[in-house]
PDB file of N, CA and C in Angstrom:
ATOM      1  N   ARG A   1      -2.553  15.112   1.778  1.00  0.00           N
ATOM      2  CA  ARG A   1      -3.157  14.377   0.692  1.00  0.00           C
ATOM      3  C   ARG A   1      -3.014  12.862   0.875  1.00  0.00           C
ATOM      4  N   SER A   2      -1.965  12.434   1.543  1.00  0.00           N
ATOM      5  CA  SER A   2      -1.760  11.003   1.737  1.00  0.00           C
ATOM      6  C   SER A   2      -2.850  10.371   2.577  1.00  0.00           C
ATOM      7  N   LEU A   3      -3.497  11.172   3.421  1.00  0.00           N
ATOM      8  CA  LEU A   3      -4.551  10.648   4.280  1.00  0.00           C
ATOM      9  C   LEU A   3      -5.934  10.951   3.728  1.00  0.00           C
ATOM     10  N   SER A   4      -6.056  11.132   2.432  1.00  0.00           N
ATOM     11  CA  SER A   4      -7.346  11.427   1.812  1.00  0.00           C
ATOM     12  C   SER A   4      -8.407  10.428   2.260  1.00  0.00           C
ATOM     13  N   GLY A   5      -9.578  10.953   2.520  1.00  0.00           N
ATOM     14  CA  GLY A   5     -10.708  10.098   2.819  1.00  0.00           C
ATOM     15  C   GLY A   5     -10.896   9.757   4.281  1.00  0.00           C
ATOM     16  N   GLY A   6      -9.983  10.145   5.151  1.00  0.00           N
ATOM     17  CA  GLY A   6     -10.162   9.754   6.531  1.00  0.00           C
ATOM     18  C   GLY A   6      -9.599  10.714   7.551  1.00  0.00           C
ATOM     19  N   GLY A   7      -8.875  11.698   7.123  1.00  0.00           N
ATOM     20  CA  GLY A   7      -8.287  12.634   8.067  1.00  0.00           C
ATOM     21  C   GLY A   7      -7.101  12.027   8.797  1.00  0.00           C
ATOM     22  N   ILE A   8      -6.462  12.840   9.603  1.00  0.00           N
ATOM     23  CA  ILE A   8      -5.289  12.401  10.338  1.00  0.00           C
ATOM     24  C   ILE A   8      -5.736  11.795  11.668  1.00  0.00           C
ATOM     25  N   PRO A   9      -5.332  10.557  11.958  1.00  0.00           N
ATOM     26  CA  PRO A   9      -5.699   9.938  13.226  1.00  0.00           C
ATOM     27  C   PRO A   9      -5.101  10.698  14.414  1.00  0.00           C
ATOM     28  N   ASN A  10      -5.722  10.566  15.580  1.00  0.00           N
ATOM     29  CA  ASN A  10      -5.208  11.197  16.796  1.00  0.00           C
ATOM     30  C   ASN A  10      -3.768  10.754  17.050  1.00  0.00           C
ATOM     31  N   ASN A  11      -2.936  11.684  17.469  1.00  0.00           N
ATOM     32  CA  ASN A  11      -1.537  11.413  17.810  1.00  0.00           C
ATOM     33  C   ASN A  11      -0.730  10.818  16.660  1.00  0.00           C
ATOM     34  N   TYR A  12      -1.131  11.070  15.426  1.00  0.00           N
ATOM     35  CA  TYR A  12      -0.442  10.480  14.267  1.00  0.00           C
ATOM     36  C   TYR A  12       1.037  10.844  14.238  1.00  0.00           C
ATOM     37  N   TYR A  13       1.359  12.098  14.458  1.00  0.00           N
ATOM     38  CA  TYR A  13       2.754  12.555  14.387  1.00  0.00           C
ATOM     39  C   TYR A  13       3.624  11.756  15.351  1.00  0.00           C
ATOM     40  N   THR A  14       3.133  11.558  16.580  1.00  0.00           N
ATOM     41  CA  THR A  14       3.896  10.833  17.592  1.00  0.00           C
ATOM     42  C   THR A  14       3.942   9.344  17.292  1.00  0.00           C
ATOM     43  N   LYS A  15       2.787   8.745  17.003  1.00  0.00           N
ATOM     44  CA  LYS A  15       2.727   7.304  16.757  1.00  0.00           C
ATOM     45  C   LYS A  15       3.535   6.895  15.527  1.00  0.00           C
ATOM     46  N   ALA A  16       3.540   7.709  14.517  1.00  0.00           N
ATOM     47  CA  ALA A  16       4.274   7.400  13.284  1.00  0.00           C
ATOM     48  C   ALA A  16       5.741   7.788  13.385  1.00  0.00           C
ATOM     49  N   GLN A  17       6.125   8.359  14.504  1.00  0.00           N
ATOM     50  CA  GLN A  17       7.500   8.793  14.743  1.00  0.00           C
ATOM     51  C   GLN A  17       8.009   9.682  13.609  1.00  0.00           C
ATOM     52  N   MET A  18       7.180  10.655  13.251  1.00  0.00           N
ATOM     53  CA  MET A  18       7.494  11.562  12.153  1.00  0.00           C
ATOM     54  C   MET A  18       8.783  12.347  12.397  1.00  0.00           C
ATOM     55  N   SER A  19       9.160  12.521  13.655  1.00  0.00           N
ATOM     56  CA  SER A  19      10.389  13.254  13.943  1.00  0.00           C
ATOM     57  C   SER A  19      11.611  12.561  13.328  1.00  0.00           C
ATOM     58  N   LEU A  20      11.513  11.252  13.091  1.00  0.00           N
ATOM     59  CA  LEU A  20      12.624  10.522  12.463  1.00  0.00           C
ATOM     60  C   LEU A  20      12.911  11.019  11.049  1.00  0.00           C
ATOM     61  N   LEU A  21      11.901  11.599  10.402  1.00  0.00           N
ATOM     62  CA  LEU A  21      12.105  12.114   9.044  1.00  0.00           C
ATOM     63  C   LEU A  21      13.209  13.157   9.002  1.00  0.00           C
ATOM     64  N   PHE A  22      13.407  13.847  10.106  1.00  0.00           N
ATOM     65  CA  PHE A  22      14.366  14.943  10.141  1.00  0.00           C
ATOM     66  C   PHE A  22      15.724  14.536  10.700  1.00  0.00           C
ATOM     67  N   ASP A  23      15.859  13.276  11.100  1.00  0.00           N
ATOM     68  CA  ASP A  23      17.149  12.747  11.528  1.00  0.00           C
ATOM     69  C   ASP A  23      18.020  12.581  10.284  1.00  0.00           C
ATOM     70  N   PRO A  24      19.250  13.132  10.269  1.00  0.00           N
ATOM     71  CA  PRO A  24      20.078  13.086   9.052  1.00  0.00           C
ATOM     72  C   PRO A  24      20.307  11.680   8.498  1.00  0.00           C
ATOM     73  N   THR A  25      20.536  10.704   9.361  1.00  0.00           N
ATOM     74  CA  THR A  25      20.774   9.338   8.894  1.00  0.00           C
ATOM     75  C   THR A  25      19.522   8.766   8.229  1.00  0.00           C
ATOM     76  N   THR A  26      18.380   8.969   8.862  1.00  0.00           N
ATOM     77  CA  THR A  26      17.116   8.485   8.308  1.00  0.00           C
ATOM     78  C   THR A  26      16.791   9.206   7.014  1.00  0.00           C
ATOM     79  N   PHE A  27      17.017  10.513   6.983  1.00  0.00           N
ATOM     80  CA  PHE A  27      16.738  11.303   5.784  1.00  0.00           C
ATOM     81  C   PHE A  27      17.567  10.800   4.603  1.00  0.00           C
ATOM     82  N   LYS A  28      18.848  10.527   4.836  1.00  0.00           N
ATOM     83  CA  LYS A  28      19.720  10.003   3.773  1.00  0.00           C
ATOM     84  C   LYS A  28      19.241   8.625   3.301  1.00  0.00           C
ATOM     85  N   ALA A  29      18.865   7.760   4.235  1.00  0.00           N
ATOM     86  CA  ALA A  29      18.393   6.426   3.884  1.00  0.00           C
ATOM     87  C   ALA A  29      17.108   6.503   3.059  1.00  0.00           C
ATOM     88  N   ASN A  30      16.174   7.376   3.469  1.00  0.00           N
ATOM     89  CA  ASN A  30      14.933   7.551   2.710  1.00  0.00           C
ATOM     90  C   ASN A  30      15.213   8.093   1.312  1.00  0.00           C
ATOM     91  N   SER A  31      16.157   9.005   1.214  1.00  0.00           N
ATOM     92  CA  SER A  31      16.521   9.570  -0.091  1.00  0.00           C
ATOM     93  C   SER A  31      17.093   8.490  -1.001  1.00  0.00           C
ATOM     94  N   ARG A  32      17.953   7.644  -0.445  1.00  0.00           N
ATOM     95  CA  ARG A  32      18.513   6.529  -1.224  1.00  0.00           C
ATOM     96  C   ARG A  32      17.408   5.598  -1.708  1.00  0.00           C
ATOM     97  N   ASP A  33      16.462   5.304  -0.820  1.00  0.00           N
ATOM     98  CA  ASP A  33      15.337   4.442  -1.196  1.00  0.00           C
ATOM     99  C   ASP A  33      14.548   5.042  -2.357  1.00  0.00           C
ATOM    100  N   LEU A  34      14.292   6.346  -2.285  1.00  0.00           N
ATOM    101  CA  LEU A  34      13.530   7.002  -3.353  1.00  0.00           C
ATOM    102  C   LEU A  34      14.242   6.912  -4.702  1.00  0.00           C
ATOM    103  N   VAL A  35      15.559   7.023  -4.677  1.00  0.00           N
ATOM    104  CA  VAL A  35      16.338   6.987  -5.914  1.00  0.00           C
ATOM    105  C   VAL A  35      16.323   5.592  -6.538  1.00  0.00           C
ATOM    106  N   THR A  36      16.313   4.545  -5.710  1.00  0.00           N
ATOM    107  CA  THR A  36      16.427   3.175  -6.235  1.00  0.00           C
ATOM    108  C   THR A  36      15.092   2.440  -6.350  1.00  0.00           C
ATOM    109  N   THR A  37      14.019   3.027  -5.868  1.00  0.00           N
ATOM    110  CA  THR A  37      12.735   2.324  -5.833  1.00  0.00           C
ATOM    111  C   THR A  37      12.269   1.859  -7.210  1.00  0.00           C
ATOM    112  N   LYS A  38      12.294   2.727  -8.203  1.00  0.00           N
ATOM    113  CA  LYS A  38      11.787   2.348  -9.523  1.00  0.00           C
ATOM    114  C   LYS A  38      12.546   1.150 -10.081  1.00  0.00           C
ATOM    115  N   GLU A  39      13.851   1.169  -9.972  1.00  0.00           N
ATOM    116  CA  GLU A  39      14.669   0.058 -10.472  1.00  0.00           C
ATOM    117  C   GLU A  39      14.333  -1.241  -9.726  1.00  0.00           C
ATOM    118  N   GLN A  40      14.189  -1.152  -8.413  1.00  0.00           N
ATOM    119  CA  GLN A  40      13.891  -2.336  -7.611  1.00  0.00           C
ATOM    120  C   GLN A  40      12.502  -2.894  -7.919  1.00  0.00           C
ATOM    121  N   VAL A  41      11.521  -2.022  -8.029  1.00  0.00           N
ATOM    122  CA  VAL A  41      10.157  -2.467  -8.326  1.00  0.00           C
ATOM    123  C   VAL A  41      10.090  -3.086  -9.727  1.00  0.00           C
ATOM    124  N   THR A  42      10.776  -2.486 -10.666  1.00  0.00           N
ATOM    125  CA  THR A  42      10.809  -3.023 -12.032  1.00  0.00           C
ATOM    126  C   THR A  42      11.396  -4.437 -12.020  1.00  0.00           C
ATOM    127  N   GLU A  43      12.459  -4.621 -11.289  1.00  0.00           N
ATOM    128  CA  GLU A  43      13.105  -5.947 -11.217  1.00  0.00           C
ATOM    129  C   GLU A  43      12.192  -6.961 -10.526  1.00  0.00           C
ATOM    130  N   MET A  44      11.564  -6.568  -9.425  1.00  0.00           N
ATOM    131  CA  MET A  44      10.655  -7.479  -8.709  1.00  0.00           C
ATOM    132  C   MET A  44       9.450  -7.851  -9.556  1.00  0.00           C
ATOM    133  N   SER A  45       8.950  -6.910 -10.335  1.00  0.00           N
ATOM    134  CA  SER A  45       7.732  -7.146 -11.108  1.00  0.00           C
ATOM    135  C   SER A  45       7.892  -8.296 -12.106  1.00  0.00           C
ATOM    136  N   LYS A  46       9.116  -8.589 -12.483  1.00  0.00           N
ATOM    137  CA  LYS A  46       9.363  -9.697 -13.417  1.00  0.00           C
ATOM    138  C   LYS A  46       9.003 -11.045 -12.803  1.00  0.00           C
ATOM    139  N   ARG A  47       8.899 -11.085 -11.485  1.00  0.00           N
ATOM    140  CA  ARG A  47       8.614 -12.355 -10.807  1.00  0.00           C
ATOM    141  C   ARG A  47       7.175 -12.462 -10.297  1.00  0.00           C
ATOM    142  N   TYR A  48       6.361 -11.443 -10.493  1.00  0.00           N
ATOM    143  CA  TYR A  48       4.993 -11.460  -9.975  1.00  0.00           C
ATOM    144  C   TYR A  48       4.199 -12.669 -10.465  1.00  0.00           C
ATOM    145  N   ASN A  49       4.304 -12.979 -11.750  1.00  0.00           N
ATOM    146  CA  ASN A  49       3.486 -14.070 -12.296  1.00  0.00           C
ATOM    147  C   ASN A  49       3.918 -15.438 -11.788  1.00  0.00           C
ATOM    148  N   GLY A  50       5.033 -15.514 -11.085  1.00  0.00           N
ATOM    149  CA  GLY A  50       5.483 -16.768 -10.504  1.00  0.00           C
ATOM    150  C   GLY A  50       4.963 -17.020  -9.101  1.00  0.00           C
ATOM    151  N   LEU A  51       4.256 -16.060  -8.537  1.00  0.00           N
ATOM    152  CA  LEU A  51       3.706 -16.245  -7.193  1.00  0.00           C
ATOM    153  C   LEU A  51       2.565 -17.251  -7.243  1.00  0.00           C
ATOM    154  N   SER A  52       2.576 -18.192  -6.321  1.00  0.00           N
ATOM    155  CA  SER A  52       1.543 -19.230  -6.341  1.00  0.00           C
ATOM    156  C   SER A  52       0.530 -19.089  -5.214  1.00  0.00           C
ATOM    157  N   MET A  53       0.835 -18.243  -4.221  1.00  0.00           N
ATOM    158  CA  MET A  53      -0.091 -18.089  -3.098  1.00  0.00           C
ATOM    159  C   MET A  53      -1.145 -17.024  -3.429  1.00  0.00           C
ATOM    160  N   PRO A  54      -2.300 -17.103  -2.779  1.00  0.00           N
ATOM    161  CA  PRO A  54      -3.307 -16.060  -2.979  1.00  0.00           C
ATOM    162  C   PRO A  54      -2.778 -14.714  -2.472  1.00  0.00           C
ATOM    163  N   VAL A  55      -3.091 -13.648  -3.188  1.00  0.00           N
ATOM    164  CA  VAL A  55      -2.622 -12.308  -2.823  1.00  0.00           C
ATOM    165  C   VAL A  55      -3.807 -11.343  -2.873  1.00  0.00           C
ATOM    166  N   LEU A  56      -3.959 -10.562  -1.821  1.00  0.00           N
ATOM    167  CA  LEU A  56      -4.982  -9.524  -1.772  1.00  0.00           C
ATOM    168  C   LEU A  56      -4.281  -8.179  -1.901  1.00  0.00           C
ATOM    169  N   VAL A  57      -4.635  -7.430  -2.925  1.00  0.00           N
ATOM    170  CA  VAL A  57      -4.055  -6.110  -3.172  1.00  0.00           C
ATOM    171  C   VAL A  57      -5.089  -5.079  -2.732  1.00  0.00           C
ATOM    172  N   ILE A  58      -4.718  -4.227  -1.781  1.00  0.00           N
ATOM    173  CA  ILE A  58      -5.635  -3.212  -1.255  1.00  0.00           C
ATOM    174  C   ILE A  58      -5.036  -1.841  -1.529  1.00  0.00           C
ATOM    175  N   THR A  59      -5.843  -0.957  -2.089  1.00  0.00           N
ATOM    176  CA  THR A  59      -5.370   0.387  -2.408  1.00  0.00           C
ATOM    177  C   THR A  59      -6.520   1.384  -2.315  1.00  0.00           C
ATOM    178  N   GLY A  60      -6.162   2.653  -2.368  1.00  0.00           N
ATOM    179  CA  GLY A  60      -7.161   3.714  -2.363  1.00  0.00           C
ATOM    180  C   GLY A  60      -7.191   4.413  -3.706  1.00  0.00           C
ATOM    181  N   SER A  61      -8.363   4.805  -4.136  1.00  0.00           N
ATOM    182  CA  SER A  61      -8.515   5.446  -5.449  1.00  0.00           C
ATOM    183  C   SER A  61      -7.853   6.821  -5.506  1.00  0.00           C
ATOM    184  N   ALA A  62      -7.639   7.439  -4.336  1.00  0.00           N
ATOM    185  CA  ALA A  62      -7.055   8.781  -4.305  1.00  0.00           C
ATOM    186  C   ALA A  62      -5.579   8.767  -3.901  1.00  0.00           C
ATOM    187  N   ASP A  63      -4.925   7.617  -4.047  1.00  0.00           N
ATOM    188  CA  ASP A  63      -3.508   7.515  -3.707  1.00  0.00           C
ATOM    189  C   ASP A  63      -2.691   8.262  -4.746  1.00  0.00           C
ATOM    190  N   LEU A  64      -2.032   9.339  -4.331  1.00  0.00           N
ATOM    191  CA  LEU A  64      -1.225  10.146  -5.241  1.00  0.00           C
ATOM    192  C   LEU A  64       0.250   9.759  -5.182  1.00  0.00           C
ATOM    193  N   THR A  65       0.594   8.830  -4.286  1.00  0.00           N
ATOM    194  CA  THR A  65       1.978   8.390  -4.137  1.00  0.00           C
ATOM    195  C   THR A  65       2.252   7.136  -4.960  1.00  0.00           C
ATOM    196  N   VAL A  66       1.375   6.153  -4.843  1.00  0.00           N
ATOM    197  CA  VAL A  66       1.489   4.904  -5.601  1.00  0.00           C
ATOM    198  C   VAL A  66       0.200   4.777  -6.410  1.00  0.00           C
ATOM    199  N   SER A  67       0.287   5.027  -7.680  1.00  0.00           N
ATOM    200  CA  SER A  67      -0.895   5.079  -8.539  1.00  0.00           C
ATOM    201  C   SER A  67      -1.649   3.753  -8.571  1.00  0.00           C
ATOM    202  N   PRO A  68      -2.935   3.772  -8.236  1.00  0.00           N
ATOM    203  CA  PRO A  68      -3.731   2.556  -8.356  1.00  0.00           C
ATOM    204  C   PRO A  68      -3.779   2.046  -9.800  1.00  0.00           C
ATOM    205  N   GLU A  69      -3.817   2.959 -10.742  1.00  0.00           N
ATOM    206  CA  GLU A  69      -3.889   2.564 -12.155  1.00  0.00           C
ATOM    207  C   GLU A  69      -2.591   1.923 -12.629  1.00  0.00           C
ATOM    208  N   ILE A  70      -1.477   2.547 -12.296  1.00  0.00           N
ATOM    209  CA  ILE A  70      -0.181   2.066 -12.777  1.00  0.00           C
ATOM    210  C   ILE A  70       0.316   0.874 -11.966  1.00  0.00           C
ATOM    211  N   HIS A  71       0.165   0.934 -10.658  1.00  0.00           N
ATOM    212  CA  HIS A  71       0.785  -0.072  -9.809  1.00  0.00           C
ATOM    213  C   HIS A  71      -0.179  -1.142  -9.307  1.00  0.00           C
ATOM    214  N   SER A  72      -1.190  -0.763  -8.568  1.00  0.00           N
ATOM    215  CA  SER A  72      -2.049  -1.736  -7.896  1.00  0.00           C
ATOM    216  C   SER A  72      -2.835  -2.603  -8.876  1.00  0.00           C
ATOM    217  N   LYS A  73      -3.431  -1.980  -9.862  1.00  0.00           N
ATOM    218  CA  LYS A  73      -4.214  -2.760 -10.832  1.00  0.00           C
ATOM    219  C   LYS A  73      -3.310  -3.653 -11.669  1.00  0.00           C
ATOM    220  N   THR A  74      -2.130  -3.156 -12.021  1.00  0.00           N
ATOM    221  CA  THR A  74      -1.176  -3.969 -12.774  1.00  0.00           C
ATOM    222  C   THR A  74      -0.686  -5.132 -11.926  1.00  0.00           C
ATOM    223  N   LEU A  75      -0.377  -4.862 -10.670  1.00  0.00           N
ATOM    224  CA  LEU A  75       0.068  -5.909  -9.756  1.00  0.00           C
ATOM    225  C   LEU A  75      -0.977  -7.018  -9.665  1.00  0.00           C
ATOM    226  N   ALA A  76      -2.215  -6.642  -9.429  1.00  0.00           N
ATOM    227  CA  ALA A  76      -3.288  -7.633  -9.309  1.00  0.00           C
ATOM    228  C   ALA A  76      -3.491  -8.408 -10.617  1.00  0.00           C
ATOM    229  N   ALA A  77      -3.336  -7.745 -11.733  1.00  0.00           N
ATOM    230  CA  ALA A  77      -3.517  -8.418 -13.026  1.00  0.00           C
ATOM    231  C   ALA A  77      -2.390  -9.412 -13.309  1.00  0.00           C
ATOM    232  N   GLU A  78      -1.196  -9.132 -12.818  1.00  0.00           N
ATOM    233  CA  GLU A  78      -0.049  -9.980 -13.109  1.00  0.00           C
ATOM    234  C   GLU A  78       0.127 -11.145 -12.143  1.00  0.00           C
ATOM    235  N   ILE A  79      -0.488 -11.086 -10.984  1.00  0.00           N
ATOM    236  CA  ILE A  79      -0.345 -12.168 -10.007  1.00  0.00           C
ATOM    237  C   ILE A  79      -1.524 -13.120 -10.126  1.00  0.00           C
ATOM    238  N   PRO A  80      -1.239 -14.388 -10.439  1.00  0.00           N
ATOM    239  CA  PRO A  80      -2.323 -15.369 -10.450  1.00  0.00           C
ATOM    240  C   PRO A  80      -2.923 -15.477  -9.044  1.00  0.00           C
ATOM    241  N   HIS A  81      -4.174 -15.783  -8.941  1.00  0.00           N
ATOM    242  CA  HIS A  81      -4.841 -15.971  -7.644  1.00  0.00           C
ATOM    243  C   HIS A  81      -4.830 -14.696  -6.802  1.00  0.00           C
ATOM    244  N   SER A  82      -4.969 -13.548  -7.447  1.00  0.00           N
ATOM    245  CA  SER A  82      -4.996 -12.293  -6.692  1.00  0.00           C
ATOM    246  C   SER A  82      -6.362 -11.634  -6.811  1.00  0.00           C
ATOM    247  N   GLU A  83      -6.611 -10.755  -5.879  1.00  0.00           N
ATOM    248  CA  GLU A  83      -7.843  -9.967  -5.896  1.00  0.00           C
ATOM    249  C   GLU A  83      -7.482  -8.532  -5.539  1.00  0.00           C
ATOM    250  N   LEU A  84      -8.131  -7.581  -6.189  1.00  0.00           N
ATOM    251  CA  LEU A  84      -7.906  -6.168  -5.940  1.00  0.00           C
ATOM    252  C   LEU A  84      -9.110  -5.578  -5.221  1.00  0.00           C
ATOM    253  N   ILE A  85      -8.855  -4.876  -4.134  1.00  0.00           N
ATOM    254  CA  ILE A  85      -9.894  -4.109  -3.445  1.00  0.00           C
ATOM    255  C   ILE A  85      -9.474  -2.650  -3.507  1.00  0.00           C
ATOM    256  N   LEU A  86     -10.320  -1.818  -4.069  1.00  0.00           N
ATOM    257  CA  LEU A  86     -10.061  -0.397  -4.246  1.00  0.00           C
ATOM    258  C   LEU A  86     -11.042   0.387  -3.377  1.00  0.00           C
ATOM    259  N   PHE A  87     -10.521   1.102  -2.377  1.00  0.00           N
ATOM    260  CA  PHE A  87     -11.369   1.914  -1.515  1.00  0.00           C
ATOM    261  C   PHE A  87     -11.496   3.305  -2.120  1.00  0.00           C
ATOM    262  N   ASP A  88     -12.720   3.650  -2.484  1.00  0.00           N
ATOM    263  CA  ASP A  88     -12.993   4.930  -3.128  1.00  0.00           C
ATOM    264  C   ASP A  88     -12.656   6.085  -2.192  1.00  0.00           C
ATOM    265  N   GLY A  89     -11.858   7.015  -2.701  1.00  0.00           N
ATOM    266  CA  GLY A  89     -11.517   8.217  -1.955  1.00  0.00           C
ATOM    267  C   GLY A  89     -10.366   8.075  -0.979  1.00  0.00           C
ATOM    268  N   ALA A  90      -9.859   6.864  -0.788  1.00  0.00           N
ATOM    269  CA  ALA A  90      -8.762   6.655   0.163  1.00  0.00           C
ATOM    270  C   ALA A  90      -7.431   7.051  -0.462  1.00  0.00           C
ATOM    271  N   GLY A  91      -6.565   7.630   0.366  1.00  0.00           N
ATOM    272  CA  GLY A  91      -5.245   8.053  -0.102  1.00  0.00           C
ATOM    273  C   GLY A  91      -4.173   7.019   0.185  1.00  0.00           C
ATOM    274  N   HIS A  92      -2.924   7.465   0.189  1.00  0.00           N
ATOM    275  CA  HIS A  92      -1.777   6.571   0.310  1.00  0.00           C
ATOM    276  C   HIS A  92      -1.688   5.889   1.678  1.00  0.00           C
ATOM    277  N   LEU A  93      -2.037   6.582   2.725  1.00  0.00           N
ATOM    278  CA  LEU A  93      -1.929   5.998   4.062  1.00  0.00           C
ATOM    279  C   LEU A  93      -3.242   5.351   4.479  1.00  0.00           C
ATOM    280  N   ILE A  94      -3.736   4.515   3.608  1.00  0.00           N
ATOM    281  CA  ILE A  94      -5.026   3.847   3.788  1.00  0.00           C
ATOM    282  C   ILE A  94      -5.066   3.009   5.065  1.00  0.00           C
ATOM    283  N   GLN A  95      -3.908   2.493   5.488  1.00  0.00           N
ATOM    284  CA  GLN A  95      -3.869   1.687   6.712  1.00  0.00           C
ATOM    285  C   GLN A  95      -4.242   2.516   7.936  1.00  0.00           C
ATOM    286  N   HIS A  96      -4.123   3.830   7.846  1.00  0.00           N
ATOM    287  CA  HIS A  96      -4.518   4.703   8.949  1.00  0.00           C
ATOM    288  C   HIS A  96      -5.949   5.221   8.769  1.00  0.00           C
ATOM    289  N   SER A  97      -6.273   5.637   7.573  1.00  0.00           N
ATOM    290  CA  SER A  97      -7.575   6.266   7.341  1.00  0.00           C
ATOM    291  C   SER A  97      -8.724   5.268   7.199  1.00  0.00           C
ATOM    292  N   HIS A  98      -8.423   4.034   6.824  1.00  0.00           N
ATOM    293  CA  HIS A  98      -9.475   3.038   6.602  1.00  0.00           C
ATOM    294  C   HIS A  98      -9.144   1.703   7.283  1.00  0.00           C
ATOM    295  N   SER A  99      -8.508   1.772   8.452  1.00  0.00           N
ATOM    296  CA  SER A  99      -8.008   0.544   9.089  1.00  0.00           C
ATOM    297  C   SER A  99      -9.102  -0.492   9.342  1.00  0.00           C
ATOM    298  N   TRP A 100     -10.248  -0.080   9.833  1.00  0.00           N
ATOM    299  CA  TRP A 100     -11.305  -1.060  10.132  1.00  0.00           C
ATOM    300  C   TRP A 100     -11.873  -1.662   8.852  1.00  0.00           C
ATOM    301  N   LYS A 101     -11.970  -0.867   7.806  1.00  0.00           N
ATOM    302  CA  LYS A 101     -12.454  -1.399   6.525  1.00  0.00           C
ATOM    303  C   LYS A 101     -11.456  -2.409   5.950  1.00  0.00           C
ATOM    304  N   ILE A 102     -10.178  -2.121   6.121  1.00  0.00           N
ATOM    305  CA  ILE A 102      -9.144  -3.050   5.636  1.00  0.00           C
ATOM    306  C   ILE A 102      -9.209  -4.361   6.414  1.00  0.00           C
ATOM    307  N   LEU A 103      -9.319  -4.272   7.725  1.00  0.00           N
ATOM    308  CA  LEU A 103      -9.406  -5.489   8.541  1.00  0.00           C
ATOM    309  C   LEU A 103     -10.621  -6.328   8.149  1.00  0.00           C
ATOM    310  N   ALA A 104     -11.743  -5.675   7.914  1.00  0.00           N
ATOM    311  CA  ALA A 104     -12.952  -6.392   7.505  1.00  0.00           C
ATOM    312  C   ALA A 104     -12.759  -7.040   6.130  1.00  0.00           C
ATOM    313  N   ALA A 105     -12.119  -6.329   5.219  1.00  0.00           N
ATOM    314  CA  ALA A 105     -11.880  -6.873   3.878  1.00  0.00           C
ATOM    315  C   ALA A 105     -10.964  -8.091   3.939  1.00  0.00           C
ATOM    316  N   ILE A 106      -9.920  -8.009   4.746  1.00  0.00           N
ATOM    317  CA  ILE A 106      -9.002  -9.146   4.893  1.00  0.00           C
ATOM    318  C   ILE A 106      -9.722 -10.327   5.535  1.00  0.00           C
ATOM    319  N   ASP A 107     -10.500 -10.054   6.558  1.00  0.00           N
ATOM    320  CA  ASP A 107     -11.259 -11.111   7.230  1.00  0.00           C
ATOM    321  C   ASP A 107     -12.202 -11.799   6.249  1.00  0.00           C
ATOM    322  N   ASN A 108     -12.944 -11.026   5.460  1.00  0.00           N
ATOM    323  CA  ASN A 108     -13.852 -11.608   4.462  1.00  0.00           C
ATOM    324  C   ASN A 108     -13.098 -12.409   3.419  1.00  0.00           C
ATOM    325  N   TRP A 109     -11.965 -11.904   2.976  1.00  0.00           N
ATOM    326  CA  TRP A 109     -11.162 -12.577   1.966  1.00  0.00           C
ATOM    327  C   TRP A 109     -10.643 -13.920   2.476  1.00  0.00           C
ATOM    328  N   ILE A 110     -10.202 -13.938   3.741  1.00  0.00           N
ATOM    329  CA  ILE A 110      -9.724 -15.199   4.332  1.00  0.00           C
ATOM    330  C   ILE A 110     -10.863 -16.193   4.438  1.00  0.00           C
ATOM    331  N   ARG A 111     -12.034 -15.736   4.849  1.00  0.00           N
ATOM    332  CA  ARG A 111     -13.189 -16.624   4.968  1.00  0.00           C
ATOM    333  C   ARG A 111     -13.579 -17.213   3.614  1.00  0.00           C
ATOM    334  N   LEU A 112     -13.520 -16.402   2.563  1.00  0.00           N
ATOM    335  CA  LEU A 112     -13.849 -16.899   1.231  1.00  0.00           C
ATOM    336  C   LEU A 112     -12.833 -17.940   0.769  1.00  0.00           C
ATOM    337  N   ASP A 113     -11.585 -17.748   1.138  1.00  0.00           N
ATOM    338  CA  ASP A 113     -10.529 -18.678   0.758  1.00  0.00           C
ATOM    339  C   ASP A 113     -10.665 -20.014   1.470  1.00  0.00           C
ATOM    340  N   GLU A 114     -11.277 -19.998   2.674  1.00  0.00           N
ATOM    341  CA  GLU A 114     -11.429 -21.218   3.451  1.00  0.00           C
ATOM    342  C   GLU A 114     -12.595 -22.078   2.963  1.00  0.00           C
ATOM    343  N   VAL A 115     -13.493 -21.489   2.193  1.00  0.00           N
ATOM    344  CA  VAL A 115     -14.677 -22.221   1.706  1.00  0.00           C
ATOM    345  C   VAL A 115     -14.308 -23.183   0.627  1.00  0.00           C
TER     346      VAL A 115
END
């Protein structure tokens, strides 16, 4: 489901080093991250409106891990000088399933900022 909208890229398991997920040290570290993520994100969010640089928020409409409604749209609304790009049907691993579209969006955004 994380790769909604684009399928799994060739050699994804190897390139993403998925075998690390099963390493006990890595597994414990990931578990710790999951337990503390909400608290950390809540604390960071208090500073979003203080960001002064332009920010491009890119997400997929089918992301079931990080909700576009709860997180991405709120993030973009709270950061001054931000823009939200929502790729319809894209899941959580949008950087894999829509990489060329993301690169094009970033390129266009930079060009608009230079004008």
